[in-house]
Amino acid sequence: MAALSDEVHERIQTLCQQGDALARKRLYPAALEQYWAAWDLLPEPQTEWQAATWILAAVGDANFLSDDFTAGRDNLSLAMHCPGAIGNPFLHLRLGQCQFELGNLDRAADELARAYMGAGPDIFTSADKYFAFLKTRLQPPPGGW
């Protein structure tokens, strides 16, 4: 796979860092502008670049945190087509949370189970209702939850 030029990679990192700083202040629309500006720097097809995975992770996280669950589902689903996304516990968690909030409970259970299998119960520390839901869909592991 080809690599991004150092200049493009640095610009993407800078835009994402600016987006992260805005997201920490809960300025999600402004954060999303930075993330999408970073996305626009990726050569097509964007989903073939490693950077696409973390850009879309940031986008999906901002969507979830701003209660835009439809956009979160759509953007995180797109992220699953990027390198290294399948099996990433955080991406599965956020996608499962968005699916849950949209009432897609079978899809939510699948994604939340993937997050649990990849990272264990600690990934749910601040998301108790999602872990409680998951427990209704899975058999307890040996030794319990």
Protein backbone atom coordinates (compact mmCIF):
# COMPACT_ATOMS: atom_id res chain seq x y z
CA MET A 1 0.00 0.00 0.00
CA ALA A 2 1.23 3.46 -0.82
CA ALA A 3 2.01 5.88 1.97
CA LEU A 4 0.73 9.39 2.37
CA SER A 5 3.31 12.09 1.83
CA ASP A 6 4.79 13.46 5.04
CA GLU A 7 3.16 16.83 4.32
CA VAL A 8 -0.34 15.36 3.90
CA HIS A 9 0.07 13.08 6.91
CA GLU A 10 1.19 15.98 9.11
CA ARG A 11 -1.69 18.17 7.91
CA ILE A 12 -4.19 15.37 8.65
CA GLN A 13 -2.72 14.91 12.12
CA THR A 14 -2.89 18.63 12.81
CA LEU A 15 -6.52 18.87 11.70
CA CYS A 16 -7.46 15.85 13.82
CA GLN A 17 -5.65 17.26 16.86
CA GLN A 18 -7.58 20.51 16.40
CA GLY A 19 -10.78 18.49 16.10
CA ASP A 20 -9.91 16.55 19.27
CA ALA A 21 -9.31 19.78 21.19
CA LEU A 22 -12.71 21.09 20.06
CA ALA A 23 -14.40 17.80 20.93
CA ARG A 24 -12.93 17.90 24.45
CA LYS A 25 -14.70 21.27 24.80
CA ARG A 26 -17.89 19.61 23.49
CA LEU A 27 -17.82 21.80 20.39
CA TYR A 28 -18.79 18.88 18.19
CA PRO A 29 -19.89 20.73 15.02
CA ALA A 30 -16.56 22.57 14.94
CA ALA A 31 -14.68 19.35 15.68
CA LEU A 32 -16.47 17.62 12.82
CA GLU A 33 -15.40 20.39 10.44
CA GLN A 34 -11.77 19.66 11.29
CA TYR A 35 -12.19 15.90 10.96
CA TRP A 36 -13.92 16.22 7.59
CA ALA A 37 -11.20 18.60 6.38
CA ALA A 38 -8.69 15.87 7.27
CA TRP A 39 -10.81 13.29 5.44
CA ASP A 40 -10.83 15.47 2.33
CA LEU A 41 -7.02 15.33 2.22
CA LEU A 42 -7.03 11.55 1.76
CA PRO A 43 -6.58 10.39 -1.83
CA GLU A 44 -9.43 8.34 -3.25
CA PRO A 45 -10.51 5.79 -2.41
CA GLN A 46 -10.29 7.19 1.11
CA THR A 47 -11.26 3.92 2.79
CA GLU A 48 -7.97 2.32 1.73
CA TRP A 49 -5.85 4.54 3.99
CA GLN A 50 -4.99 3.74 7.60
CA ALA A 51 -5.64 7.37 8.48
CA ALA A 52 -9.24 6.94 7.31
CA THR A 53 -9.85 4.54 10.19
CA TRP A 54 -8.88 7.00 12.91
CA ILE A 55 -10.50 9.96 11.18
CA LEU A 56 -13.81 8.12 10.96
CA ALA A 57 -13.39 6.89 14.54
CA ALA A 58 -13.13 10.53 15.64
CA VAL A 59 -16.11 11.50 13.48
CA GLY A 60 -18.23 8.65 14.82
CA ASP A 61 -17.24 9.46 18.39
CA ALA A 62 -18.24 13.11 17.92
CA ASN A 63 -21.51 12.00 16.31
CA PHE A 64 -22.28 9.72 19.26
CA LEU A 65 -21.33 12.28 21.89
CA SER A 66 -23.55 14.87 20.21
CA ASP A 67 -26.48 12.41 20.08
CA ASP A 68 -26.43 12.18 16.28
CA PHE A 69 -26.78 8.40 16.33
CA THR A 70 -27.78 8.05 12.68
CA ALA A 71 -24.65 9.85 11.49
CA GLY A 72 -22.61 7.88 14.02
CA ARG A 73 -23.97 4.58 12.72
CA ASP A 74 -23.34 5.60 9.12
CA ASN A 75 -19.82 6.93 9.68
CA LEU A 76 -18.75 4.06 11.93
CA SER A 77 -20.17 1.56 9.44
CA LEU A 78 -18.02 3.21 6.77
CA ALA A 79 -15.04 3.00 9.11
CA MET A 80 -15.48 -0.78 9.19
CA HIS A 81 -14.34 -0.81 5.55
CA CYS A 82 -11.02 0.82 6.47
CA PRO A 83 -7.76 -0.87 7.45
CA GLY A 84 -7.64 -2.28 10.97
CA ALA A 85 -11.22 -1.39 11.86
CA ILE A 86 -12.71 -4.87 12.19
CA GLY A 87 -11.83 -6.04 15.67
CA ASN A 88 -11.13 -2.55 17.03
CA PRO A 89 -13.02 -2.60 20.36
CA PHE A 90 -13.63 1.16 20.45
CA LEU A 91 -15.14 1.23 16.97
CA HIS A 92 -17.37 -1.73 17.78
CA LEU A 93 -18.42 -0.10 21.05
CA ARG A 94 -19.41 3.19 19.46
CA LEU A 95 -21.17 1.48 16.56
CA GLY A 96 -23.04 -0.76 19.01
CA GLN A 97 -24.03 2.23 21.12
CA CYS A 98 -25.37 4.05 18.07
CA GLN A 99 -27.28 0.96 16.95
CA PHE A 100 -28.74 0.60 20.45
CA GLU A 101 -29.89 4.21 20.54
CA LEU A 102 -31.53 3.77 17.13
CA GLY A 103 -33.40 0.68 18.35
CA ASN A 104 -31.44 -1.78 16.20
CA LEU A 105 -30.98 -4.14 19.12
CA ASP A 106 -29.72 -7.22 17.24
CA ARG A 107 -27.02 -5.14 15.49
CA ALA A 108 -26.24 -3.42 18.79
CA ALA A 109 -25.78 -6.74 20.57
CA ASP A 110 -23.46 -7.97 17.83
CA GLU A 111 -21.25 -4.87 17.91
CA LEU A 112 -21.22 -4.62 21.72
CA ALA A 113 -20.26 -8.30 21.94
CA ARG A 114 -17.34 -7.63 19.60
CA ALA A 115 -16.25 -4.74 21.83
CA TYR A 116 -16.53 -6.93 24.92
CA MET A 117 -14.61 -9.78 23.30
CA GLY A 118 -11.85 -7.43 22.20
CA ALA A 119 -11.41 -5.41 25.38
CA GLY A 120 -13.32 -7.08 28.19
CA PRO A 121 -15.72 -5.41 30.58
CA ASP A 122 -13.50 -2.36 31.17
CA ILE A 123 -14.55 -0.87 27.85
CA PHE A 124 -18.02 -0.36 29.34
CA THR A 125 -16.91 1.61 32.40
CA SER A 126 -18.79 4.76 31.43
CA ALA A 127 -21.52 2.98 29.49
CA ASP A 128 -23.31 0.86 32.06
CA LYS A 129 -26.65 0.66 30.21
CA TYR A 130 -24.94 -0.84 27.18
CA PHE A 131 -23.17 -3.48 29.25
CA ALA A 132 -26.41 -4.25 31.11
CA PHE A 133 -28.11 -4.71 27.73
CA LEU A 134 -25.31 -6.94 26.46
CA LYS A 135 -25.65 -9.16 29.52
CA THR A 136 -29.26 -9.86 28.48
CA ARG A 137 -28.03 -11.15 25.12
CA LEU A 138 -24.99 -13.27 26.08
CA GLN A 139 -24.34 -16.18 28.35
CA PRO A 140 -22.03 -15.19 31.24
CA PRO A 141 -18.39 -16.10 30.60
CA PRO A 142 -16.72 -18.73 32.79
CA GLY A 143 -16.13 -17.07 36.14
CA GLY A 144 -18.97 -14.59 35.60
CA TRP A 145 -19.09 -11.01 34.41
